[in-house]
Protein backbone atom coordinates (compact mmCIF):
# COMPACT_ATOMS: atom_id res chain seq x y z
CA MET A 1 -6.02 -55.09 195.66
CA TRP A 2 -8.50 -52.89 197.40
CA GLU A 3 -6.89 -51.66 200.59
CA SER A 4 -10.15 -50.75 202.26
CA ASN A 5 -13.88 -50.76 201.70
CA PRO A 6 -14.26 -48.48 198.66
CA LEU A 7 -17.62 -47.35 199.97
CA LYS A 8 -15.87 -45.66 202.88
CA SER A 9 -12.50 -44.75 201.42
CA VAL A 10 -13.55 -41.68 199.45
CA ASN A 11 -15.11 -38.52 200.81
CA GLU A 12 -18.51 -37.74 199.36
CA GLY A 13 -18.73 -35.08 196.69
CA ILE A 14 -16.22 -33.80 194.22
CA ILE A 15 -12.68 -34.85 195.05
CA ASP A 16 -9.32 -33.46 193.99
CA VAL A 17 -7.03 -36.44 193.62
CA SER A 18 -4.12 -34.24 192.58
CA ASN A 19 -3.85 -32.58 196.03
CA SER A 20 -3.56 -29.19 194.36
CA ALA A 21 -4.80 -25.79 195.47
CA HIS A 22 -8.40 -26.66 194.78
CA ARG A 23 -9.68 -28.77 197.64
CA SER A 24 -12.88 -30.75 197.72
CA SER A 25 -15.78 -28.96 199.27
CA LYS A 26 -19.39 -29.86 199.87
CA LYS A 27 -22.40 -27.92 200.93
CA ASN A 28 -24.32 -29.41 203.80
CA ALA A 29 -27.08 -31.78 202.80
CA ALA A 30 -30.42 -30.03 202.67
CA PRO A 31 -33.96 -31.18 201.94
CA VAL A 32 -35.37 -30.51 198.51
CA LYS A 33 -39.08 -29.95 198.31
CA GLY A 34 -40.94 -31.70 195.53
CA ARG A 35 -44.29 -33.34 194.97
CA GLY A 36 -43.05 -36.45 196.65
CA GLY A 37 -42.00 -34.60 199.82
CA SER A 38 -38.53 -33.76 201.12
CA ARG A 39 -35.48 -35.46 199.66
CA CYS A 40 -31.81 -35.18 200.50
CA CYS A 41 -29.83 -32.82 198.29
CA SER A 42 -26.04 -32.77 198.34
CA ALA A 43 -24.70 -29.92 196.22
CA ILE A 44 -21.02 -30.23 195.48
CA ALA A 45 -18.50 -27.99 193.78
CA ILE A 46 -14.84 -27.05 193.72
CA ASP A 47 -14.40 -23.83 195.73
CA ALA A 48 -16.93 -21.28 194.44
CA PRO A 49 -19.50 -23.00 192.21
CA SER A 50 -19.73 -20.11 189.77
CA THR A 51 -15.98 -19.71 189.20
CA ALA A 52 -14.38 -23.14 189.64
CA SER A 53 -12.38 -24.16 186.59
CA ALA A 54 -10.93 -27.58 187.55
CA GLY A 55 -7.85 -27.11 185.43
CA VAL A 56 -9.10 -26.26 181.94
CA ALA A 57 -9.16 -22.50 181.35
CA GLY A 58 -12.67 -21.09 181.16
CA VAL A 59 -14.48 -24.26 182.21
CA ARG A 60 -16.79 -23.90 185.21
CA TRP A 61 -18.27 -26.91 186.95
CA GLY A 62 -21.45 -27.63 188.84
CA SER A 63 -22.55 -30.90 190.41
CA VAL A 64 -25.42 -32.18 192.50
CA LYS A 65 -26.55 -35.48 194.01
CA LEU A 66 -30.23 -35.90 194.88
CA GLN A 67 -31.69 -38.84 196.72
CA GLY A 68 -35.11 -39.83 195.48
CA PRO A 69 -37.54 -42.15 197.26
CA ARG A 70 -35.05 -45.03 197.27
CA GLU A 71 -33.68 -46.18 200.63
CA GLU A 72 -30.03 -45.95 199.56
CA MET A 73 -28.11 -43.14 197.87
CA GLU A 74 -25.74 -45.06 195.60
CA ASP A 75 -25.05 -42.40 192.96
CA ASP A 76 -21.78 -40.50 193.05
CA ALA A 77 -19.90 -37.83 191.10
CA VAL A 78 -16.28 -36.79 190.73
CA VAL A 79 -14.54 -33.81 189.15
CA VAL A 80 -10.74 -33.69 189.23
CA ARG A 81 -8.48 -30.87 188.07
CA SER A 82 -6.02 -31.79 185.35
CA ASP A 83 -2.59 -31.89 187.05
CA ASP A 84 -2.27 -35.64 186.44
CA LEU A 85 -3.72 -35.66 182.92
CA ASP A 86 -1.59 -33.32 180.79
CA GLY A 87 -4.03 -30.42 180.80
CA PHE A 88 -7.23 -32.46 180.69
CA SER A 89 -9.96 -32.31 183.32
CA TYR A 90 -11.72 -35.47 184.49
CA ALA A 91 -15.36 -35.86 185.50
CA ALA A 92 -17.39 -38.99 186.17
CA VAL A 93 -20.84 -40.10 187.29
CA PHE A 94 -21.41 -43.45 188.99
CA ASP A 95 -24.73 -45.20 189.58
CA GLY A 96 -24.39 -48.05 192.05
CA HIS A 97 -26.83 -50.84 192.77
CA ALA A 98 -27.35 -53.47 195.46
CA GLY A 99 -25.20 -51.82 198.07
CA PHE A 100 -22.14 -50.68 196.11
CA SER A 101 -21.99 -46.97 195.37
CA SER A 102 -18.96 -46.47 193.09
CA VAL A 103 -15.49 -47.47 191.94
CA LYS A 104 -14.30 -43.91 191.66
CA GLU A 105 -10.88 -44.08 193.33
CA GLU A 106 -9.58 -47.14 191.54
CA LEU A 107 -10.95 -46.14 188.14
CA TYR A 108 -9.29 -42.71 188.28
CA LYS A 109 -5.94 -44.27 189.21
CA GLU A 110 -6.17 -46.75 186.34
CA CYS A 111 -7.07 -43.99 183.86
CA VAL A 112 -4.06 -41.89 184.89
CA THR A 113 -1.75 -44.90 184.59
CA THR A 114 -2.96 -46.32 181.28
CA LEU A 115 -3.27 -42.89 179.66
CA GLN A 116 0.38 -42.24 180.57
CA SER A 117 -0.59 -39.25 182.72
CA GLY A 118 -2.75 -37.89 179.92
CA LEU A 119 -0.20 -38.06 177.10
CA LEU A 120 -2.42 -40.40 175.07
CA LEU A 121 -5.29 -37.91 175.34
CA SER A 122 -3.13 -35.27 173.68
CA GLY A 123 -2.04 -37.59 170.88
CA LYS A 124 -3.69 -38.07 167.50
CA ASP A 125 -4.12 -41.84 167.61
CA LEU A 126 -7.65 -42.53 168.84
CA ASN A 127 -7.02 -46.27 168.74
CA ASN A 128 -4.27 -46.00 171.36
CA THR A 129 -6.47 -43.81 173.55
CA SER A 130 -9.43 -46.16 173.23
CA LYS A 131 -7.27 -49.18 174.01
CA ALA A 132 -5.85 -47.46 177.10
CA LEU A 133 -9.29 -46.49 178.42
CA GLN A 134 -10.63 -49.98 177.80
CA GLU A 135 -7.67 -51.42 179.70
CA ALA A 136 -8.23 -48.98 182.57
CA PHE A 137 -11.89 -49.97 182.93
CA GLU A 138 -11.23 -53.70 182.71
CA ARG A 139 -8.35 -53.57 185.21
CA ALA A 140 -10.45 -51.57 187.65
CA ASP A 141 -13.26 -54.10 187.27
CA ALA A 142 -10.90 -57.03 187.84
CA LYS A 143 -9.68 -55.42 191.06
CA LEU A 144 -13.25 -54.76 192.15
CA LEU A 145 -14.31 -58.35 191.48
CA HIS A 146 -11.33 -59.61 193.49
CA TRP A 147 -12.19 -57.30 196.36
CA LEU A 148 -15.86 -58.34 196.33
CA ASP A 149 -14.87 -62.01 196.34
CA GLU A 150 -12.33 -61.60 199.15
CA SER A 151 -14.61 -59.47 201.32
CA GLY A 152 -17.69 -61.63 200.90
CA GLU A 153 -19.77 -58.69 199.65
CA GLU A 154 -23.08 -59.28 197.89
CA VAL A 155 -22.73 -60.80 194.42
CA GLU A 156 -25.39 -58.33 193.25
CA SER A 157 -23.17 -55.32 194.05
CA GLY A 158 -22.13 -53.24 191.07
CA SER A 159 -21.92 -49.79 189.54
CA THR A 160 -22.09 -48.04 186.20
CA ALA A 161 -19.48 -45.42 185.29
CA THR A 162 -19.45 -42.70 182.67
CA VAL A 163 -16.17 -40.78 182.49
CA LEU A 164 -15.47 -37.51 180.70
CA PHE A 165 -12.12 -35.91 179.78
CA ILE A 166 -12.02 -32.27 178.58
CA GLY A 167 -8.98 -30.53 177.09
CA ASN A 168 -7.28 -29.27 173.91
CA GLU A 169 -10.61 -28.53 172.21
CA ARG A 170 -11.62 -32.17 172.55
CA ILE A 171 -13.64 -34.37 174.83
CA PHE A 172 -13.26 -38.08 175.37
CA VAL A 173 -16.01 -40.18 176.91
CA ALA A 174 -15.59 -43.70 178.30
CA HIS A 175 -19.01 -45.13 179.05
CA VAL A 176 -20.32 -48.20 180.87
CA GLY A 177 -23.99 -48.36 181.87
CA ASP A 178 -27.03 -46.15 181.43
CA SER A 179 -25.92 -42.65 182.40
CA CYS A 180 -25.71 -40.18 179.52
CA VAL A 181 -23.52 -37.34 178.21
CA VAL A 182 -25.10 -34.52 176.21
CA LEU A 183 -23.26 -31.64 174.52
CA SER A 184 -25.11 -28.37 173.89
CA ARG A 185 -24.15 -26.79 170.55
CA SER A 186 -25.83 -23.41 170.08
CA GLY A 187 -28.79 -24.73 172.01
CA LYS A 188 -29.06 -28.03 170.14
CA ALA A 189 -28.67 -31.23 172.16
CA GLU A 190 -26.00 -33.61 170.85
CA VAL A 191 -26.29 -36.96 172.62
CA LEU A 192 -22.85 -38.55 172.89
CA THR A 193 -23.65 -41.90 174.55
CA ASN A 194 -26.15 -44.72 174.33
CA PRO A 195 -27.41 -46.67 177.35
CA HIS A 196 -26.23 -50.26 177.79
CA ARG A 197 -29.57 -51.97 178.27
CA PRO A 198 -30.78 -55.38 177.10
CA TYR A 199 -33.90 -53.97 175.47
CA GLY A 200 -34.85 -51.43 172.80
CA ARG A 201 -34.28 -51.16 169.06
CA ASN A 202 -31.27 -48.83 168.93
CA ARG A 203 -27.93 -50.08 167.64
CA VAL A 204 -26.24 -50.42 171.03
CA SER A 205 -29.18 -52.29 172.61
CA LEU A 206 -29.34 -54.73 169.70
CA GLN A 207 -25.60 -55.34 169.99
CA GLU A 208 -25.93 -55.98 173.73
CA ILE A 209 -28.84 -58.39 173.25
CA LYS A 210 -26.83 -60.30 170.64
CA ARG A 211 -23.72 -60.41 172.86
CA ILE A 212 -25.65 -61.68 175.89
CA ARG A 213 -27.36 -64.45 173.94
CA GLU A 214 -24.11 -65.53 172.30
CA ALA A 215 -22.56 -65.75 175.79
CA GLY A 216 -25.29 -68.20 176.83
CA GLY A 217 -27.59 -65.76 178.59
CA TRP A 218 -31.23 -64.95 178.06
CA ILE A 219 -33.44 -61.91 178.47
CA VAL A 220 -36.82 -61.76 180.20
CA ASP A 221 -38.84 -58.53 180.23
CA GLY A 222 -35.77 -56.47 179.37
CA ARG A 223 -33.64 -58.01 182.13
CA ILE A 224 -30.65 -60.34 181.87
CA CYS A 225 -31.81 -63.74 183.13
CA GLY A 226 -34.87 -61.87 184.41
CA ASP A 227 -32.68 -60.00 186.90
CA ILE A 228 -30.71 -56.87 185.95
CA SER A 229 -31.72 -54.21 183.42
CA VAL A 230 -28.24 -52.82 182.68
CA SER A 231 -25.87 -54.90 180.55
CA CYS A 232 -22.56 -53.13 181.26
CA ALA A 233 -21.32 -52.41 184.77
CA PHE A 234 -18.51 -52.87 187.25
CA GLY A 235 -18.92 -55.70 189.73
CA ASP A 236 -22.05 -57.87 189.42
CA MET A 237 -20.15 -61.08 190.09
CA ARG A 238 -23.17 -63.29 189.46
CA PHE A 239 -22.96 -62.43 185.77
CA LYS A 240 -19.17 -62.74 185.55
CA THR A 241 -17.22 -64.95 187.95
CA LYS A 242 -20.20 -66.40 189.86
CA LYS A 243 -22.53 -67.49 187.06
CA LYS A 244 -22.78 -71.07 188.33
CA GLU A 245 -23.76 -69.85 191.78
CA MET A 246 -26.35 -67.58 190.16
CA LEU A 247 -27.95 -70.56 188.43
CA GLU A 248 -27.99 -72.63 191.61
CA LYS A 249 -29.60 -69.79 193.55
CA GLY A 250 -32.24 -69.52 190.85
CA VAL A 251 -33.14 -73.17 191.37
CA GLU A 252 -33.40 -72.64 195.14
CA GLU A 253 -35.71 -69.67 194.59
CA GLY A 254 -37.85 -71.58 192.11
CA ARG A 255 -37.01 -69.28 189.22
CA TRP A 256 -35.97 -72.19 187.01
CA SER A 257 -35.57 -75.95 187.22
CA PRO A 258 -32.47 -78.18 187.55
CA LYS A 259 -33.28 -79.53 184.10
CA PHE A 260 -33.20 -76.02 182.69
CA ILE A 261 -29.79 -75.11 184.12
CA SER A 262 -28.35 -78.43 182.94
CA ARG A 263 -28.81 -77.12 179.40
CA VAL A 264 -27.26 -73.71 180.07
CA GLN A 265 -23.71 -73.24 178.80
CA PHE A 266 -22.07 -69.88 179.40
CA THR A 267 -19.28 -68.91 177.02
CA GLY A 268 -18.58 -65.42 178.38
CA ASP A 269 -19.61 -62.73 180.83
CA LEU A 270 -23.22 -61.62 180.61
CA VAL A 271 -22.39 -58.19 182.06
CA THR A 272 -19.11 -56.52 181.05
CA ALA A 273 -17.13 -53.43 182.03
CA THR A 274 -15.78 -52.85 178.52
CA PRO A 275 -16.54 -49.20 177.75
CA ASP A 276 -17.78 -47.48 174.64
CA ILE A 277 -15.28 -44.75 173.72
CA TYR A 278 -16.25 -41.47 172.06
CA GLN A 279 -14.13 -38.54 170.88
CA VAL A 280 -15.72 -35.21 169.95
CA THR A 281 -14.17 -31.95 168.75
CA LEU A 282 -15.72 -29.03 170.60
CA GLY A 283 -15.65 -25.99 168.28
CA SER A 284 -16.83 -22.44 168.90
CA ASP A 285 -20.52 -23.42 169.07
CA ALA A 286 -20.03 -25.78 172.05
CA GLU A 287 -21.73 -24.29 175.13
CA PHE A 288 -21.77 -26.84 177.92
CA ILE A 289 -21.58 -30.56 178.64
CA LEU A 290 -24.22 -32.30 180.72
CA LEU A 291 -23.42 -35.64 182.36
CA ALA A 292 -26.15 -37.29 184.43
CA SER A 293 -27.38 -40.62 185.77
CA ASP A 294 -30.50 -42.28 184.40
CA GLY A 295 -32.57 -40.76 187.19
CA LEU A 296 -32.63 -37.58 185.09
CA TRP A 297 -32.98 -39.09 181.61
CA ASP A 298 -35.86 -41.38 182.53
CA TYR A 299 -37.96 -38.26 183.14
CA MET A 300 -36.49 -35.61 180.82
CA ASN A 301 -35.23 -35.86 177.26
CA SER A 302 -31.95 -34.33 176.13
CA SER A 303 -33.48 -31.33 174.34
CA ASP A 304 -35.61 -30.36 177.33
CA ALA A 305 -32.61 -30.71 179.65
CA VAL A 306 -30.44 -28.50 177.42
CA ASN A 307 -33.16 -25.85 177.16
CA PHE A 308 -33.65 -25.93 180.92
CA VAL A 309 -29.95 -25.42 181.65
CA ARG A 310 -29.65 -22.65 179.04
CA ASP A 311 -32.56 -20.76 180.59
CA GLN A 312 -30.98 -21.10 184.02
CA LEU A 313 -27.63 -19.80 182.80
CA ARG A 314 -29.32 -16.89 181.04
CA LYS A 315 -30.98 -15.92 184.31
CA HIS A 316 -27.96 -15.94 186.61
CA GLY A 317 -24.92 -17.46 184.88
CA ASP A 318 -24.21 -19.77 187.84
CA VAL A 319 -23.61 -23.34 186.67
CA GLN A 320 -23.96 -24.74 190.19
CA LEU A 321 -27.39 -23.19 190.65
CA ALA A 322 -28.39 -24.46 187.22
CA CYS A 323 -27.31 -27.95 188.23
CA GLU A 324 -29.35 -27.87 191.42
CA ALA A 325 -32.43 -26.52 189.63
CA LEU A 326 -32.24 -29.28 187.01
CA GLY A 327 -32.05 -31.91 189.73
CA ARG A 328 -35.08 -30.46 191.50
CA ALA A 329 -36.98 -30.45 188.22
CA ALA A 330 -36.31 -34.18 187.84
CA LEU A 331 -37.67 -34.83 191.32
CA ASP A 332 -40.71 -32.72 190.54
CA GLN A 333 -41.34 -35.10 187.63
CA ARG A 334 -41.75 -37.85 190.25
CA SER A 335 -38.44 -39.52 189.49
CA GLN A 336 -38.30 -42.82 191.36
CA ASP A 337 -34.51 -42.98 191.16
CA ASN A 338 -31.61 -41.04 192.61
CA VAL A 339 -30.38 -38.20 190.41
CA THR A 340 -26.75 -37.14 189.95
CA ILE A 341 -25.72 -34.38 187.56
CA VAL A 342 -22.43 -32.79 186.48
CA ILE A 343 -22.39 -29.76 184.18
CA ALA A 344 -19.30 -28.23 182.56
CA ASP A 345 -19.93 -24.71 181.28
CA LEU A 346 -17.21 -24.32 178.64
CA GLY A 347 -17.03 -20.54 179.14
CA ARG A 348 -17.62 -19.66 175.49
CA THR A 349 -21.10 -18.15 175.80
CA ASP A 350 -22.12 -14.75 177.12
CA TRP A 351 -25.28 -15.98 178.78
CA GLN A 352 -26.42 -12.56 179.93
CA SER A 353 -26.61 -11.32 176.34
CA LEU A 354 -29.00 -14.07 175.21
CA PRO A 355 -32.79 -13.67 175.53
CA LEU A 356 -34.63 -16.00 177.84
CA GLN A 357 -35.98 -18.82 175.74
CA GLN A 358 -38.25 -19.83 178.58
CA GLU A 359 -40.00 -16.46 178.47
CA SER A 360 -40.57 -16.70 174.73
CA PHE A 361 -41.84 -20.24 175.22
CA VAL A 362 -44.32 -19.05 177.84
CA PHE A 363 -45.40 -16.23 175.52
CA GLU A 364 -45.89 -18.64 172.62
CA MET A 365 -47.87 -21.00 174.83
CA GLY A 366 -50.01 -18.09 175.97
CA GLN A 367 -50.65 -17.08 172.39
CA ALA A 368 -51.53 -20.65 171.45
CA PHE A 369 -53.88 -20.95 174.41
CA ALA A 370 -55.59 -17.68 173.51
CA THR A 371 -56.03 -18.87 169.93
CA ILE A 372 -57.57 -22.14 171.10
CA VAL A 373 -59.96 -20.28 173.39
CA MET A 374 -61.04 -17.91 170.62
CA VAL A 375 -61.58 -20.74 168.12
CA SER A 376 -63.50 -22.80 170.67
CA LEU A 377 -65.63 -19.80 171.58
CA GLY A 378 -66.36 -19.16 167.91
CA ILE A 379 -67.42 -22.77 167.37
CA TRP A 380 -69.66 -22.65 170.44
CA MET A 381 -71.30 -19.39 169.36
CA SER A 382 -71.87 -20.75 165.86
CA SER A 383 -73.57 -23.82 167.29
CA GLN A 384 -75.78 -21.65 169.51
CA PHE A 385 -76.89 -19.44 166.62
CA SER A 386 -77.59 -22.49 164.43
CA LEU A 387 -80.05 -23.71 167.04
C-alpha cells in the first residue's frame, strides 16, 4: 500500500535510495532560453556532475529535466548507486500524464526485492532476470492502481517507466512506454528499445495493436479508444480496472452510443505495465548510454543525438554539461513536450583525443555550399552568354 501521495514522497532530482556517501543534490531551477521563450530547467547530478560514478567504476552520470510549454512538469529521473544491487547501478526515466508524475519509489523497491538484491542480474539465466523484472513492474503497478482507487485520484493518471541497470560489462533494460535507450558504440547509435504505441508499422507497434484488439479495444487515430497514445504504462485505471466506467463516461460525453457499448466485451487490460526486457553486452567500443523521454526523440533521431553528445564530450568532457546542452537543443527544435535525459558516460573513451566531428561537419557543409554556389554561378553565366 502506498503510505503517502507518491507525488510528494520523493525529492525531485536524482535520489540515492541506499543512503550511502553520495547524497542527492540538485542545482536550482533556472530558465532556459529557446525560441519559445524561457522554460524551467532542473539540472540534477550526484555530487560533482563531471566525476559522479554512482557505484560502477568509471561511469559518470548526467541528468536534466526541462519543462516545455506544457502546464505541468510530469517527467522525472532517478539514478541510484549500486549498494542494493550487487554492483549494478540503476537509472530510470518516468513520463507521467494526467497529473501523476512517477512511480519511482515503489518501482525501485520492487526491483531490489525481486532481483534478490541484484543477484539475478549477476547470474547467467536471462529468463530468471526477465521474470523478476516483469514481476517487479506488475507488482508496482498493482500497488499504484490500489492507491489510485483508494485515494480517488483521476482515472487518467499514469506514467511510463524505462529502467536501466549497468554492471559486470552488461546492461539490462526494462521498458514500459515511449521513452528510449540508445547505446553509442564508436559513434554509432544502437537503439535498444521500441516505443509502446498503438500505431506504426514496426514489430512492437503491430504486436500492441493486435493485443489491444484481442482484448476488446479499438484504435482511433493512433489512440486507444480514441484517448491515449501510449499502450504500456503504470496506472491508467480506465483501461485496466475501470473499463466499464470509461465506457459509461464515453456515453455521457457523446463519444459513443449505449448501443455501441452494449456490444463491447473486454477480455483483458488495454494498457499494461508488462515490460519489454533487453540485455546487452557492452564491450570495449561502448561509449555512453543515453536514456530520454519522448520529448527528445520526437524532435531528434538517435544518430543526431549520439553525434551531439559526442561533440559535447569532445569539447569539455563533462557529461552533465552535455546533458543540459542536449536538452536545450530539443527545446530549440520547438519541442511541445517536457524533456528528461539521463546520460551514462562509461569512462572508456578519451574524449579529448578525438577530433570534433561537429567542426568537420561544418567544414563539409561549407564545402558543399561553396560547390553549389559555384555550379549555380556557372549555370547562370552560361545562360547569360547564350542570350
